[in-house]
Amino acid sequence: MDTNIMLIVTFIIMAIAAILTIRVGLSAGNKEENNSSYAANKGRKIRRLLYIYLVVIVAVLIVFIVIMRR
């Protein structure tokens, strides 16, 4: 498989994972469970999760750059 195709597929999968994670977090079903800690600091939780995704995306990018230069 071509390295560029692997890179594109990896980014697509990671973007879909981030979008689906946010959708699950904002879903009405999760809010109905009477969990008082669910809504606490929601913005901070989403930012932390997106920061983790960003770190992973940058790490994958670095790995692919190293592979492509060989």
Protein backbone atom coordinates (compact mmCIF):
# COMPACT_ATOMS: atom_id res chain seq x y z
CA MET A 1 0.00 0.00 0.00
CA ASP A 2 1.25 3.46 -0.87
CA THR A 3 2.35 5.56 2.12
CA ASN A 4 0.24 8.54 1.05
CA ILE A 5 -2.87 6.39 0.90
CA MET A 6 -2.14 5.01 4.38
CA LEU A 7 -1.71 8.56 5.69
CA ILE A 8 -4.98 9.74 4.18
CA VAL A 9 -6.89 6.71 5.48
CA THR A 10 -5.40 7.19 8.95
CA PHE A 11 -6.46 10.84 9.09
CA ILE A 12 -9.97 10.00 7.85
CA ILE A 13 -10.40 7.31 10.51
CA MET A 14 -9.11 9.61 13.26
CA ALA A 15 -11.37 12.47 12.15
CA ILE A 16 -14.40 10.17 12.12
CA ALA A 17 -13.47 8.90 15.60
CA ALA A 18 -13.29 12.46 16.94
CA ILE A 19 -16.63 13.42 15.40
CA LEU A 20 -18.37 10.30 16.68
CA THR A 21 -16.90 10.78 20.16
CA ILE A 22 -18.29 14.31 20.32
CA ARG A 23 -21.68 13.12 19.04
CA VAL A 24 -21.85 10.44 21.73
CA GLY A 25 -20.88 12.95 24.39
CA LEU A 26 -23.59 15.36 23.31
CA SER A 27 -26.31 12.72 22.80
CA ALA A 28 -29.59 13.06 24.64
CA GLY A 29 -29.40 9.48 25.96
CA ASN A 30 -26.33 10.24 28.02
CA LYS A 31 -27.96 13.33 29.50
CA GLU A 32 -31.07 11.43 30.63
CA GLU A 33 -29.24 9.05 32.98
CA ASN A 34 -29.54 11.46 35.95
CA ASN A 35 -25.78 11.60 36.27
CA SER A 36 -25.01 14.94 37.90
CA SER A 37 -21.31 14.76 37.02
CA TYR A 38 -22.06 14.26 33.32
CA ALA A 39 -22.73 17.93 32.61
CA ALA A 40 -20.03 19.25 34.94
CA ASN A 41 -17.13 20.88 33.09
CA LYS A 42 -18.34 19.62 29.73
CA GLY A 43 -16.28 22.13 27.77
CA ARG A 44 -13.11 21.19 29.61
CA LYS A 45 -13.73 17.48 29.01
CA ILE A 46 -14.25 18.01 25.28
CA ARG A 47 -11.12 20.17 25.01
CA ARG A 48 -9.07 17.53 26.83
CA LEU A 49 -10.38 14.81 24.53
CA LEU A 50 -9.68 16.85 21.41
CA TYR A 51 -6.19 17.62 22.74
CA ILE A 52 -5.56 13.87 23.02
CA TYR A 53 -6.74 13.40 19.43
CA LEU A 54 -4.48 16.24 18.29
CA VAL A 55 -1.44 14.71 20.00
CA VAL A 56 -2.14 11.34 18.38
CA ILE A 57 -2.63 12.92 14.94
CA VAL A 58 0.68 14.80 15.25
CA ALA A 59 2.43 11.60 16.39
CA VAL A 60 1.05 9.68 13.40
CA LEU A 61 2.13 12.48 11.10
CA ILE A 62 5.67 12.39 12.50
CA VAL A 63 5.84 8.62 12.05
CA PHE A 64 4.69 8.88 8.44
CA ILE A 65 7.19 11.66 7.69
CA VAL A 66 10.00 9.52 9.09
CA ILE A 67 8.82 6.53 7.03
CA MET A 68 8.51 8.58 3.84
CA ARG A 69 12.06 9.99 4.16
CA ARG A 70 13.61 6.52 4.21
